C-alpha atoms as a PDB file:
ATOM      1  CA  MET A   1     107.415  69.143 181.014  1.00  0.00           C
ATOM      2  CA  GLY A   2     104.653  66.861 179.866  1.00  0.00           C
ATOM      3  CA  ALA A   3     102.297  66.846 176.947  1.00  0.00           C
ATOM      4  CA  ILE A   4      98.682  67.903 176.705  1.00  0.00           C
ATOM      5  CA  THR A   5      96.776  64.907 175.415  1.00  0.00           C
ATOM      6  CA  VAL A   6      93.138  65.376 174.407  1.00  0.00           C
ATOM      7  CA  HIS A   7      90.541  62.611 174.071  1.00  0.00           C
ATOM      8  CA  GLU A   8      87.240  63.291 172.309  1.00  0.00           C
ATOM      9  CA  PHE A   9      84.392  61.020 171.306  1.00  0.00           C
ATOM     10  CA  THR A  10      83.006  62.376 168.041  1.00  0.00           C
ATOM     11  CA  THR A  11      80.477  61.506 165.383  1.00  0.00           C
ATOM     12  CA  LEU A  12      81.235  61.327 161.663  1.00  0.00           C
ATOM     13  CA  ASP A  13      79.797  64.830 161.346  1.00  0.00           C
ATOM     14  CA  GLY A  14      82.027  66.202 164.117  1.00  0.00           C
ATOM     15  CA  VAL A  15      79.613  66.423 167.050  1.00  0.00           C
ATOM     16  CA  VAL A  16      81.351  66.121 170.440  1.00  0.00           C
ATOM     17  CA  ASP A  17      78.688  67.148 172.944  1.00  0.00           C
ATOM     18  CA  VAL A  18      77.177  64.762 175.517  1.00  0.00           C
ATOM     19  CA  PRO A  19      77.988  61.465 173.774  1.00  0.00           C
ATOM     20  CA  VAL A  20      74.809  59.494 174.367  1.00  0.00           C
ATOM     21  CA  TRP A  21      75.200  58.246 170.775  1.00  0.00           C
ATOM     22  CA  THR A  22      78.135  56.086 171.944  1.00  0.00           C
ATOM     23  CA  MET A  23      75.907  53.754 173.976  1.00  0.00           C
ATOM     24  CA  PRO A  24      74.864  51.364 171.172  1.00  0.00           C
ATOM     25  CA  PHE A  25      78.555  50.715 170.420  1.00  0.00           C
ATOM     26  CA  GLY A  26      79.467  49.521 173.911  1.00  0.00           C
ATOM     27  CA  PHE A  27      82.855  49.853 175.555  1.00  0.00           C
ATOM     28  CA  PRO A  28      84.906  46.874 174.359  1.00  0.00           C
ATOM     29  CA  ASP A  29      88.288  45.921 175.762  1.00  0.00           C
ATOM     30  CA  ASP A  30      90.252  47.443 172.885  1.00  0.00           C
ATOM     31  CA  LEU A  31      88.550  50.838 173.423  1.00  0.00           C
ATOM     32  CA  ALA A  32      89.221  50.618 177.162  1.00  0.00           C
ATOM     33  CA  ALA A  33      92.876  49.749 176.506  1.00  0.00           C
ATOM     34  CA  SER A  34      93.243  52.620 174.055  1.00  0.00           C
ATOM     35  CA  ILE A  35      91.897  55.173 176.522  1.00  0.00           C
ATOM     36  CA  GLY A  36      93.856  53.524 179.329  1.00  0.00           C
ATOM     37  CA  ALA A  37      97.037  54.139 177.356  1.00  0.00           C
ATOM     38  CA  LEU A  38      96.196  57.855 177.262  1.00  0.00           C
ATOM     39  CA  THR A  39      95.504  58.109 180.969  1.00  0.00           C
ATOM     40  CA  GLY A  40      98.486  55.926 181.879  1.00  0.00           C
ATOM     41  CA  SER A  41     101.066  58.665 181.368  1.00  0.00           C
ATOM     42  CA  ALA A  42      98.914  61.466 182.767  1.00  0.00           C
ATOM     43  CA  THR A  43      99.543  62.909 186.195  1.00  0.00           C
ATOM     44  CA  GLY A  44      96.947  65.650 185.834  1.00  0.00           C
ATOM     45  CA  ILE A  45      93.518  66.163 184.315  1.00  0.00           C
ATOM     46  CA  LEU A  46      92.683  69.489 182.685  1.00  0.00           C
ATOM     47  CA  LEU A  47      88.955  70.188 182.371  1.00  0.00           C
ATOM     48  CA  GLY A  48      86.641  72.986 181.388  1.00  0.00           C
ATOM     49  CA  ARG A  49      83.923  73.948 183.859  1.00  0.00           C
ATOM     50  CA  THR A  50      81.021  72.285 182.025  1.00  0.00           C
ATOM     51  CA  THR A  51      82.806  68.943 181.709  1.00  0.00           C
ATOM     52  CA  PHE A  52      83.977  69.183 185.327  1.00  0.00           C
ATOM     53  CA  GLU A  53      80.384  69.729 186.443  1.00  0.00           C
ATOM     54  CA  MET A  54      79.272  66.673 184.440  1.00  0.00           C
ATOM     55  CA  PHE A  55      82.181  64.448 185.487  1.00  0.00           C
ATOM     56  CA  ALA A  56      82.251  65.282 189.219  1.00  0.00           C
ATOM     57  CA  PRO A  57      78.934  63.658 190.199  1.00  0.00           C
ATOM     58  CA  ALA A  58      79.439  60.789 187.754  1.00  0.00           C
ATOM     59  CA  TRP A  59      83.002  59.849 188.773  1.00  0.00           C
ATOM     60  CA  SER A  60      83.350  60.962 192.399  1.00  0.00           C
ATOM     61  CA  THR A  61      81.183  58.125 193.716  1.00  0.00           C
ATOM     62  CA  ARG A  62      82.558  55.372 191.481  1.00  0.00           C
ATOM     63  CA  THR A  63      84.975  52.787 192.741  1.00  0.00           C
ATOM     64  CA  VAL A  64      87.270  50.444 190.845  1.00  0.00           C
ATOM     65  CA  ALA A  65      84.557  47.790 191.249  1.00  0.00           C
ATOM     66  CA  ASP A  66      82.195  50.053 189.286  1.00  0.00           C
ATOM     67  CA  ASP A  67      84.723  51.108 186.659  1.00  0.00           C
ATOM     68  CA  PRO A  68      88.446  50.375 186.308  1.00  0.00           C
ATOM     69  CA  GLY A  69      88.994  54.041 185.358  1.00  0.00           C
ATOM     70  CA  ALA A  70      87.614  55.345 188.664  1.00  0.00           C
ATOM     71  CA  PRO A  71      90.955  55.515 190.529  1.00  0.00           C
ATOM     72  CA  PHE A  72      92.503  57.593 187.734  1.00  0.00           C
ATOM     73  CA  PHE A  73      89.648  60.092 187.672  1.00  0.00           C
ATOM     74  CA  ASN A  74      89.273  60.293 191.439  1.00  0.00           C
ATOM     75  CA  ASP A  75      92.885  60.174 192.618  1.00  0.00           C
ATOM     76  CA  THR A  76      94.537  62.294 189.916  1.00  0.00           C
ATOM     77  CA  ARG A  77      94.914  66.055 190.429  1.00  0.00           C
ATOM     78  CA  LYS A  78      92.273  67.895 188.396  1.00  0.00           C
ATOM     79  CA  TYR A  79      92.787  71.455 187.113  1.00  0.00           C
ATOM     80  CA  VAL A  80      89.548  73.222 186.209  1.00  0.00           C
ATOM     81  CA  VAL A  81      89.590  76.154 183.803  1.00  0.00           C
ATOM     82  CA  SER A  82      86.773  78.465 184.857  1.00  0.00           C
ATOM     83  CA  SER A  83      86.208  82.129 185.510  1.00  0.00           C
ATOM     84  CA  THR A  84      82.932  81.431 187.351  1.00  0.00           C
ATOM     85  CA  LEU A  85      83.596  78.369 189.515  1.00  0.00           C
ATOM     86  CA  ALA A  86      85.069  79.330 192.875  1.00  0.00           C
ATOM     87  CA  ASP A  87      85.547  75.979 194.604  1.00  0.00           C
ATOM     88  CA  ALA A  88      86.117  72.635 192.921  1.00  0.00           C
ATOM     89  CA  GLU A  89      87.672  70.702 195.822  1.00  0.00           C
ATOM     90  CA  SER A  90      84.436  70.517 197.822  1.00  0.00           C
ATOM     91  CA  THR A  91      82.694  69.044 194.770  1.00  0.00           C
ATOM     92  CA  TRP A  92      85.348  66.512 193.758  1.00  0.00           C
ATOM     93  CA  ALA A  93      88.504  65.625 195.699  1.00  0.00           C
ATOM     94  CA  ASN A  94      91.864  66.635 194.233  1.00  0.00           C
ATOM     95  CA  SER A  95      90.331  69.458 192.158  1.00  0.00           C
ATOM     96  CA  THR A  96      91.661  72.991 191.798  1.00  0.00           C
ATOM     97  CA  VAL A  97      90.195  75.935 189.894  1.00  0.00           C
ATOM     98  CA  ILE A  98      92.980  77.665 187.945  1.00  0.00           C
ATOM     99  CA  GLY A  99      90.867  80.600 186.754  1.00  0.00           C
ATOM    100  CA  GLY A 100      89.599  81.594 183.336  1.00  0.00           C
ATOM    101  CA  TYR A 101      91.379  80.426 180.218  1.00  0.00           C
ATOM    102  CA  SER A 102      94.844  81.868 179.688  1.00  0.00           C
ATOM    103  CA  ALA A 103      97.246  80.294 177.207  1.00  0.00           C
ATOM    104  CA  GLU A 104     100.159  81.521 179.296  1.00  0.00           C
ATOM    105  CA  GLU A 105      98.753  80.002 182.507  1.00  0.00           C
ATOM    106  CA  VAL A 106      98.220  76.673 180.724  1.00  0.00           C
ATOM    107  CA  ARG A 107     101.830  76.793 179.452  1.00  0.00           C
ATOM    108  CA  VAL A 108     103.039  77.374 183.017  1.00  0.00           C
ATOM    109  CA  LEU A 109     100.878  74.500 184.295  1.00  0.00           C
ATOM    110  CA  LYS A 110     102.174  72.245 181.522  1.00  0.00           C
ATOM    111  CA  ASP A 111     105.752  73.080 182.557  1.00  0.00           C
ATOM    112  CA  GLU A 112     105.074  72.550 186.271  1.00  0.00           C
ATOM    113  CA  VAL A 113     103.207  69.234 186.114  1.00  0.00           C
ATOM    114  CA  GLU A 114     105.382  66.144 186.056  1.00  0.00           C
ATOM    115  CA  GLY A 115     103.869  63.936 183.360  1.00  0.00           C
ATOM    116  CA  ASP A 116     101.095  64.587 180.902  1.00  0.00           C
ATOM    117  CA  LEU A 117      97.883  66.551 181.267  1.00  0.00           C
ATOM    118  CA  TYR A 118      94.855  64.611 180.047  1.00  0.00           C
ATOM    119  CA  VAL A 119      91.806  66.421 178.668  1.00  0.00           C
ATOM    120  CA  SER A 120      88.486  64.695 178.036  1.00  0.00           C
ATOM    121  CA  GLY A 121      85.511  66.477 176.515  1.00  0.00           C
ATOM    122  CA  SER A 122      85.779  70.178 177.357  1.00  0.00           C
ATOM    123  CA  ALA A 123      85.125  71.309 173.767  1.00  0.00           C
ATOM    124  CA  THR A 124      85.401  75.046 174.488  1.00  0.00           C
ATOM    125  CA  LEU A 125      88.694  74.552 176.315  1.00  0.00           C
ATOM    126  CA  VAL A 126      90.031  72.212 173.620  1.00  0.00           C
ATOM    127  CA  ARG A 127      89.194  74.729 170.882  1.00  0.00           C
ATOM    128  CA  ALA A 128      91.235  77.355 172.727  1.00  0.00           C
ATOM    129  CA  LEU A 129      94.118  74.949 173.380  1.00  0.00           C
ATOM    130  CA  LEU A 130      94.205  73.976 169.691  1.00  0.00           C
ATOM    131  CA  ALA A 131      94.079  77.607 168.544  1.00  0.00           C
ATOM    132  CA  ASP A 132      97.000  78.427 170.845  1.00  0.00           C
ATOM    133  CA  GLY A 133      99.065  75.421 169.744  1.00  0.00           C
ATOM    134  CA  LEU A 134      98.986  73.790 173.171  1.00  0.00           C
ATOM    135  CA  VAL A 135      97.638  70.358 172.202  1.00  0.00           C
ATOM    136  CA  ASP A 136     100.407  67.820 171.688  1.00  0.00           C
ATOM    137  CA  GLU A 137      98.101  64.936 170.767  1.00  0.00           C
ATOM    138  CA  LEU A 138      94.448  65.019 169.751  1.00  0.00           C
ATOM    139  CA  HIS A 139      92.823  61.599 170.038  1.00  0.00           C
ATOM    140  CA  LEU A 140      89.518  61.454 168.187  1.00  0.00           C
ATOM    141  CA  TYR A 141      87.372  58.375 168.669  1.00  0.00           C
ATOM    142  CA  VAL A 142      85.137  58.614 165.618  1.00  0.00           C
ATOM    143  CA  TYR A 143      81.825  56.769 165.962  1.00  0.00           C
ATOM    144  CA  PRO A 144      80.147  55.545 162.769  1.00  0.00           C
ATOM    145  CA  VAL A 145      77.083  57.713 163.241  1.00  0.00           C
ATOM    146  CA  ALA A 146      76.002  61.176 162.117  1.00  0.00           C
ATOM    147  CA  VAL A 147      73.591  63.065 164.384  1.00  0.00           C
ATOM    148  CA  GLY A 148      73.094  66.266 162.399  1.00  0.00           C
ATOM    149  CA  THR A 149      73.131  68.752 165.259  1.00  0.00           C
ATOM    150  CA  GLY A 150      75.146  69.434 168.371  1.00  0.00           C
ATOM    151  CA  ILE A 151      78.346  71.011 169.590  1.00  0.00           C
ATOM    152  CA  ARG A 152      81.180  70.485 167.139  1.00  0.00           C
ATOM    153  CA  LEU A 153      84.841  70.487 168.040  1.00  0.00           C
ATOM    154  CA  PHE A 154      85.544  72.607 164.978  1.00  0.00           C
ATOM    155  CA  PRO A 155      82.626  74.991 164.489  1.00  0.00           C
ATOM    156  CA  GLU A 156      81.822  76.474 161.100  1.00  0.00           C
ATOM    157  CA  GLY A 157      84.495  78.926 160.012  1.00  0.00           C
ATOM    158  CA  THR A 158      87.315  77.231 161.939  1.00  0.00           C
ATOM    159  CA  THR A 159      90.574  76.673 160.118  1.00  0.00           C
ATOM    160  CA  GLN A 160      92.900  74.124 161.722  1.00  0.00           C
ATOM    161  CA  THR A 161      95.637  72.016 160.180  1.00  0.00           C
ATOM    162  CA  LEU A 162      96.929  68.963 162.025  1.00  0.00           C
ATOM    163  CA  ALA A 163      99.239  66.067 161.210  1.00  0.00           C
ATOM    164  CA  LEU A 164      97.931  62.498 161.305  1.00  0.00           C
ATOM    165  CA  LEU A 165     100.002  60.451 163.761  1.00  0.00           C
ATOM    166  CA  GLY A 166      97.971  57.256 163.728  1.00  0.00           C
ATOM    167  CA  ALA A 167      94.743  55.476 162.839  1.00  0.00           C
ATOM    168  CA  GLN A 168      93.401  52.396 164.596  1.00  0.00           C
ATOM    169  CA  PRO A 169      90.080  50.682 163.888  1.00  0.00           C
ATOM    170  CA  LEU A 170      88.449  49.262 167.000  1.00  0.00           C
ATOM    171  CA  SER A 171      86.256  46.193 167.361  1.00  0.00           C
ATOM    172  CA  ASN A 172      83.020  48.197 167.778  1.00  0.00           C
ATOM    173  CA  GLY A 173      83.373  50.097 164.475  1.00  0.00           C
ATOM    174  CA  VAL A 174      84.942  53.167 166.093  1.00  0.00           C
ATOM    175  CA  VAL A 175      88.163  54.523 164.579  1.00  0.00           C
ATOM    176  CA  HIS A 176      90.788  56.038 166.869  1.00  0.00           C
ATOM    177  CA  LEU A 177      92.538  58.841 164.984  1.00  0.00           C
ATOM    178  CA  THR A 178      95.560  60.530 166.525  1.00  0.00           C
ATOM    179  CA  TYR A 179      96.658  63.984 165.391  1.00  0.00           C
ATOM    180  CA  GLY A 180      99.483  66.264 166.399  1.00  0.00           C
ATOM    181  CA  PRO A 181     100.604  69.740 165.472  1.00  0.00           C
ATOM    182  CA  ALA A 182     101.184  70.258 161.749  1.00  0.00           C
ATOM    183  CA  ALA A 183     104.796  70.718 160.696  1.00  0.00           C
ATOM    184  CA  ALA A 184     105.667  74.375 160.320  1.00  0.00           C
END
């Protein structure tokens, strides 16, 4: 049984939607290495439908020459949580729709997959995983910018307690915060 490891780019004010605000900060080697460490132990990618539909056209045509992360995203088995998407394989190789969100189905998948399941983006899915206690590590890459509006990982009214596992400043001003489940 592996872990579910989530990676989110976020602003200081908690916005996690389409991260165009990351562009001015670049993608330095230490950020690439940090994310590479997360994907290194993953043997599966768990995605919500919206993120899958954004990632598929962006990643499916990339090669290692375009981006060193391309082989991971293209060759790794992808599990798409969606009650509306019927076929993922024809859109992006190695992709399977597992149906609408079910905590029990995700637990079964987590038990069946050898290695970790990596989640990137997928805010709606991540909210559900967090609420159901299924996230083993939440990696927040906090960008030193506030944008005021947008999709937040923790919408107003959300109560969530996590334990800080690590904090690492990166060369571009981003801070990588790692959280895990709070002690009972």
